Amino acid sequence: MSLPEELSRIFPGLRNWAAKFAGLHYDVDDLVADTVIDLLEHPWKWQPARGPLKTFMFSMIRNRAIDGMKNYNRLYRQRFRRWLREEAPLYLIDERRDDKSIEDVKGKLEAHLATIPTRLAQTFRLFAFDGKTVPEIAEMLSVTEGNVKGMICRARKSIRSYLKSA
């Protein structure tokens, strides 16, 4: 059976499989189309001796979706840092306020950071204000990268709820 015939036979299964992985970063049809195009452009990637085409395509879809999630998360973190540095103060500070009011807002934010656990506040400051990466923070605090990501997430949630109530 030729490659196009085999693809047309397994296509419905590919779409169902891609639906499990598609999210904010990928549409189901785009995920399947990109994967099929990749295979058609590089047919030598699939070697029939290694296994059926269906299994190969499922793994390609999974890997492409995971890469898309990583890229989406990386871009989200970059946008959040930029927002925190540049735009967040604009939401907190009224244009009619003077420098003393700005210091009051900064003081309130610092007071809120003082209410959350010290490690969370320290990790958040390093990540958001000092621009440190997760591996750098993990090395500084002698914890795993997963712990750092969790602490940043918990600190963000706390700050978001504070900003909504402020």
C-alpha atoms as a PDB file:
ATOM      1  CA  MET A   1       0.000   0.000   0.000  1.00  0.00           C
ATOM      2  CA  SER A   2       1.371   3.439  -0.925  1.00  0.00           C
ATOM      3  CA  LEU A   3       1.982   6.180   1.609  1.00  0.00           C
ATOM      4  CA  PRO A   4      -0.977   8.390   0.522  1.00  0.00           C
ATOM      5  CA  GLU A   5      -3.345   5.411   0.635  1.00  0.00           C
ATOM      6  CA  GLU A   6      -2.116   4.438   4.085  1.00  0.00           C
ATOM      7  CA  LEU A   7      -2.498   8.053   5.279  1.00  0.00           C
ATOM      8  CA  SER A   8      -6.065   8.270   3.996  1.00  0.00           C
ATOM      9  CA  ARG A   9      -6.884   5.027   5.812  1.00  0.00           C
ATOM     10  CA  ILE A  10      -5.570   6.193   9.201  1.00  0.00           C
ATOM     11  CA  PHE A  11      -6.586   9.860   8.889  1.00  0.00           C
ATOM     12  CA  PRO A  12      -9.773   9.665  11.065  1.00  0.00           C
ATOM     13  CA  GLY A  13      -7.775   8.044  13.847  1.00  0.00           C
ATOM     14  CA  LEU A  14      -5.127  10.768  13.573  1.00  0.00           C
ATOM     15  CA  ARG A  15      -7.742  13.468  13.966  1.00  0.00           C
ATOM     16  CA  ASN A  16      -9.215  11.785  17.054  1.00  0.00           C
ATOM     17  CA  TRP A  17      -5.743  11.355  18.535  1.00  0.00           C
ATOM     18  CA  ALA A  18      -4.849  14.992  17.839  1.00  0.00           C
ATOM     19  CA  ALA A  19      -8.034  16.127  19.601  1.00  0.00           C
ATOM     20  CA  LYS A  20      -6.581  14.753  22.836  1.00  0.00           C
ATOM     21  CA  PHE A  21      -3.520  16.991  22.515  1.00  0.00           C
ATOM     22  CA  ALA A  22      -4.839  20.155  20.877  1.00  0.00           C
ATOM     23  CA  GLY A  23      -5.218  23.093  23.205  1.00  0.00           C
ATOM     24  CA  LEU A  24      -4.706  26.829  23.234  1.00  0.00           C
ATOM     25  CA  HIS A  25      -1.561  26.544  21.140  1.00  0.00           C
ATOM     26  CA  TYR A  26      -2.882  24.263  18.387  1.00  0.00           C
ATOM     27  CA  ASP A  27      -6.101  23.605  16.535  1.00  0.00           C
ATOM     28  CA  VAL A  28      -6.882  19.923  15.846  1.00  0.00           C
ATOM     29  CA  ASP A  29      -6.933  20.339  12.068  1.00  0.00           C
ATOM     30  CA  ASP A  30      -3.730  22.384  12.093  1.00  0.00           C
ATOM     31  CA  LEU A  31      -1.981  19.788  14.220  1.00  0.00           C
ATOM     32  CA  VAL A  32      -2.935  16.947  11.878  1.00  0.00           C
ATOM     33  CA  ALA A  33      -2.217  18.965   8.736  1.00  0.00           C
ATOM     34  CA  ASP A  34       1.224  20.076   9.953  1.00  0.00           C
ATOM     35  CA  THR A  35       2.109  16.516  10.880  1.00  0.00           C
ATOM     36  CA  VAL A  36       0.940  15.042   7.559  1.00  0.00           C
ATOM     37  CA  ILE A  37       2.738  17.764   5.594  1.00  0.00           C
ATOM     38  CA  ASP A  38       5.900  17.068   7.578  1.00  0.00           C
ATOM     39  CA  LEU A  39       5.690  13.369   6.691  1.00  0.00           C
ATOM     40  CA  LEU A  40       4.993  14.085   3.014  1.00  0.00           C
ATOM     41  CA  GLU A  41       7.935  16.483   2.845  1.00  0.00           C
ATOM     42  CA  HIS A  42      10.234  14.000   4.616  1.00  0.00           C
ATOM     43  CA  PRO A  43       8.929  10.501   3.820  1.00  0.00           C
ATOM     44  CA  TRP A  44      12.229   8.875   4.805  1.00  0.00           C
ATOM     45  CA  LYS A  45      11.478   9.604   8.485  1.00  0.00           C
ATOM     46  CA  TRP A  46       9.109   6.633   8.548  1.00  0.00           C
ATOM     47  CA  GLN A  47      10.771   3.279   8.203  1.00  0.00           C
ATOM     48  CA  PRO A  48       8.256   0.423   7.799  1.00  0.00           C
ATOM     49  CA  ALA A  49      10.651  -2.003   9.482  1.00  0.00           C
ATOM     50  CA  ARG A  50      10.344  -0.043  12.741  1.00  0.00           C
ATOM     51  CA  GLY A  51       6.572  -0.247  12.975  1.00  0.00           C
ATOM     52  CA  PRO A  52       3.256   0.693  11.396  1.00  0.00           C
ATOM     53  CA  LEU A  53       2.613   4.154   9.984  1.00  0.00           C
ATOM     54  CA  LYS A  54      -0.240   4.717  12.429  1.00  0.00           C
ATOM     55  CA  THR A  55       2.046   4.373  15.454  1.00  0.00           C
ATOM     56  CA  PHE A  56       4.655   6.607  13.841  1.00  0.00           C
ATOM     57  CA  MET A  57       2.090   9.312  13.063  1.00  0.00           C
ATOM     58  CA  PHE A  58       0.623   9.157  16.573  1.00  0.00           C
ATOM     59  CA  SER A  59       4.062   9.785  18.050  1.00  0.00           C
ATOM     60  CA  MET A  60       4.676  12.648  15.597  1.00  0.00           C
ATOM     61  CA  ILE A  61       1.399  14.301  16.603  1.00  0.00           C
ATOM     62  CA  ARG A  62       2.181  13.872  20.283  1.00  0.00           C
ATOM     63  CA  ASN A  63       5.684  15.320  19.900  1.00  0.00           C
ATOM     64  CA  ARG A  64       4.471  18.255  17.801  1.00  0.00           C
ATOM     65  CA  ALA A  65       1.776  19.046  20.378  1.00  0.00           C
ATOM     66  CA  ILE A  66       4.280  18.876  23.243  1.00  0.00           C
ATOM     67  CA  ASP A  67       6.641  21.211  21.370  1.00  0.00           C
ATOM     68  CA  GLY A  68       3.730  23.575  20.781  1.00  0.00           C
ATOM     69  CA  MET A  69       2.887  23.548  24.505  1.00  0.00           C
ATOM     70  CA  LYS A  70       6.485  24.312  25.421  1.00  0.00           C
ATOM     71  CA  ASN A  71       6.629  27.215  22.968  1.00  0.00           C
ATOM     72  CA  TYR A  72       3.262  28.525  24.158  1.00  0.00           C
ATOM     73  CA  ASN A  73       4.338  28.371  27.798  1.00  0.00           C
ATOM     74  CA  ARG A  74       7.661  30.055  27.019  1.00  0.00           C
ATOM     75  CA  LEU A  75       5.918  32.891  25.198  1.00  0.00           C
ATOM     76  CA  TYR A  76       3.352  33.202  27.995  1.00  0.00           C
ATOM     77  CA  ARG A  77       6.120  33.558  30.581  1.00  0.00           C
ATOM     78  CA  GLN A  78       7.861  36.201  28.462  1.00  0.00           C
ATOM     79  CA  ARG A  79       4.620  38.151  28.025  1.00  0.00           C
ATOM     80  CA  PHE A  80       3.822  37.898  31.722  1.00  0.00           C
ATOM     81  CA  ARG A  81       7.274  39.221  32.679  1.00  0.00           C
ATOM     82  CA  ARG A  82       6.958  42.083  30.208  1.00  0.00           C
ATOM     83  CA  TRP A  83       3.460  42.874  31.459  1.00  0.00           C
ATOM     84  CA  LEU A  84       4.617  42.787  35.063  1.00  0.00           C
ATOM     85  CA  ARG A  85       7.504  45.140  34.402  1.00  0.00           C
ATOM     86  CA  GLU A  86       5.855  47.564  31.991  1.00  0.00           C
ATOM     87  CA  GLU A  87       2.066  47.493  32.179  1.00  0.00           C
ATOM     88  CA  ALA A  88       1.110  46.260  35.646  1.00  0.00           C
ATOM     89  CA  PRO A  89       2.154  49.521  37.320  1.00  0.00           C
ATOM     90  CA  LEU A  90      -0.140  51.382  34.909  1.00  0.00           C
ATOM     91  CA  TYR A  91      -3.121  49.371  36.171  1.00  0.00           C
ATOM     92  CA  LEU A  92      -2.164  49.952  39.775  1.00  0.00           C
ATOM     93  CA  ILE A  93      -1.307  53.617  39.461  1.00  0.00           C
ATOM     94  CA  ASP A  94      -3.793  56.294  38.537  1.00  0.00           C
ATOM     95  CA  GLU A  95      -2.305  58.886  36.140  1.00  0.00           C
ATOM     96  CA  ARG A  96      -3.365  61.697  38.427  1.00  0.00           C
ATOM     97  CA  ARG A  97      -1.343  60.357  41.341  1.00  0.00           C
ATOM     98  CA  ASP A  98       2.026  61.745  42.296  1.00  0.00           C
ATOM     99  CA  ASP A  99       5.280  59.964  43.141  1.00  0.00           C
ATOM    100  CA  LYS A 100       4.184  59.499  46.739  1.00  0.00           C
ATOM    101  CA  SER A 101       1.153  57.506  45.539  1.00  0.00           C
ATOM    102  CA  ILE A 102       3.411  55.322  43.401  1.00  0.00           C
ATOM    103  CA  GLU A 103       5.510  54.552  46.435  1.00  0.00           C
ATOM    104  CA  ASP A 104       2.317  53.725  48.366  1.00  0.00           C
ATOM    105  CA  VAL A 105       1.310  51.185  45.692  1.00  0.00           C
ATOM    106  CA  LYS A 106       4.785  49.662  45.681  1.00  0.00           C
ATOM    107  CA  GLY A 107       4.631  49.529  49.451  1.00  0.00           C
ATOM    108  CA  LYS A 108       1.258  47.757  49.321  1.00  0.00           C
ATOM    109  CA  LEU A 109       2.601  45.212  46.825  1.00  0.00           C
ATOM    110  CA  GLU A 110       5.642  44.626  49.012  1.00  0.00           C
ATOM    111  CA  ALA A 111       3.339  44.329  52.031  1.00  0.00           C
ATOM    112  CA  HIS A 112       1.359  41.688  50.162  1.00  0.00           C
ATOM    113  CA  LEU A 113       4.554  39.850  49.249  1.00  0.00           C
ATOM    114  CA  ALA A 114       5.413  39.920  52.942  1.00  0.00           C
ATOM    115  CA  THR A 115       2.151  38.103  53.737  1.00  0.00           C
ATOM    116  CA  ILE A 116       2.933  35.116  51.516  1.00  0.00           C
ATOM    117  CA  PRO A 117       5.622  32.589  52.490  1.00  0.00           C
ATOM    118  CA  THR A 118       9.155  33.938  52.257  1.00  0.00           C
ATOM    119  CA  ARG A 119      10.354  31.387  49.710  1.00  0.00           C
ATOM    120  CA  LEU A 120       7.418  32.194  47.403  1.00  0.00           C
ATOM    121  CA  ALA A 121       8.044  35.936  47.624  1.00  0.00           C
ATOM    122  CA  GLN A 122      11.789  35.509  47.136  1.00  0.00           C
ATOM    123  CA  THR A 123      11.300  33.213  44.147  1.00  0.00           C
ATOM    124  CA  PHE A 124       8.771  35.582  42.586  1.00  0.00           C
ATOM    125  CA  ARG A 125      11.045  38.599  43.048  1.00  0.00           C
ATOM    126  CA  LEU A 126      13.956  36.766  41.440  1.00  0.00           C
ATOM    127  CA  PHE A 127      11.817  35.608  38.513  1.00  0.00           C
ATOM    128  CA  ALA A 128       9.684  38.666  37.816  1.00  0.00           C
ATOM    129  CA  PHE A 129      11.750  41.624  38.956  1.00  0.00           C
ATOM    130  CA  ASP A 130      15.353  40.433  38.607  1.00  0.00           C
ATOM    131  CA  GLY A 131      14.721  38.496  35.376  1.00  0.00           C
ATOM    132  CA  LYS A 132      16.348  35.274  36.555  1.00  0.00           C
ATOM    133  CA  THR A 133      15.515  32.055  34.728  1.00  0.00           C
ATOM    134  CA  VAL A 134      14.032  28.986  36.404  1.00  0.00           C
ATOM    135  CA  PRO A 135      17.331  27.014  36.294  1.00  0.00           C
ATOM    136  CA  GLU A 136      19.212  29.969  37.808  1.00  0.00           C
ATOM    137  CA  ILE A 137      16.700  30.300  40.626  1.00  0.00           C
ATOM    138  CA  ALA A 138      16.760  26.544  41.247  1.00  0.00           C
ATOM    139  CA  GLU A 139      20.524  26.647  41.582  1.00  0.00           C
ATOM    140  CA  MET A 140      20.427  29.693  43.866  1.00  0.00           C
ATOM    141  CA  LEU A 141      17.817  28.168  46.172  1.00  0.00           C
ATOM    142  CA  SER A 142      19.134  24.584  45.923  1.00  0.00           C
ATOM    143  CA  VAL A 143      15.784  23.158  44.823  1.00  0.00           C
ATOM    144  CA  THR A 144      14.564  21.464  41.670  1.00  0.00           C
ATOM    145  CA  GLU A 145      13.263  23.393  38.673  1.00  0.00           C
ATOM    146  CA  GLY A 146       9.824  21.868  39.223  1.00  0.00           C
ATOM    147  CA  ASN A 147       9.739  23.303  42.750  1.00  0.00           C
ATOM    148  CA  VAL A 148      10.678  26.735  41.407  1.00  0.00           C
ATOM    149  CA  LYS A 149       7.908  26.592  38.784  1.00  0.00           C
ATOM    150  CA  GLY A 150       5.399  25.598  41.451  1.00  0.00           C
ATOM    151  CA  MET A 151       6.454  28.430  43.756  1.00  0.00           C
ATOM    152  CA  ILE A 152       6.206  30.957  40.928  1.00  0.00           C
ATOM    153  CA  CYS A 153       2.738  29.675  40.045  1.00  0.00           C
ATOM    154  CA  ARG A 154       1.514  29.924  43.643  1.00  0.00           C
ATOM    155  CA  ALA A 155       2.968  33.439  44.001  1.00  0.00           C
ATOM    156  CA  ARG A 156       1.304  34.527  40.734  1.00  0.00           C
ATOM    157  CA  LYS A 157      -2.058  33.245  41.917  1.00  0.00           C
ATOM    158  CA  SER A 158      -1.712  35.137  45.154  1.00  0.00           C
ATOM    159  CA  ILE A 159      -0.707  38.360  43.380  1.00  0.00           C
ATOM    160  CA  ARG A 160      -3.523  38.016  40.831  1.00  0.00           C
ATOM    161  CA  SER A 161      -6.100  37.692  43.587  1.00  0.00           C
ATOM    162  CA  TYR A 162      -4.548  40.669  45.357  1.00  0.00           C
ATOM    163  CA  LEU A 163      -4.595  42.783  42.175  1.00  0.00           C
ATOM    164  CA  LYS A 164      -8.239  41.903  41.531  1.00  0.00           C
ATOM    165  CA  SER A 165      -9.230  42.942  45.034  1.00  0.00           C
ATOM    166  CA  ALA A 166      -7.059  46.082  45.062  1.00  0.00           C
END
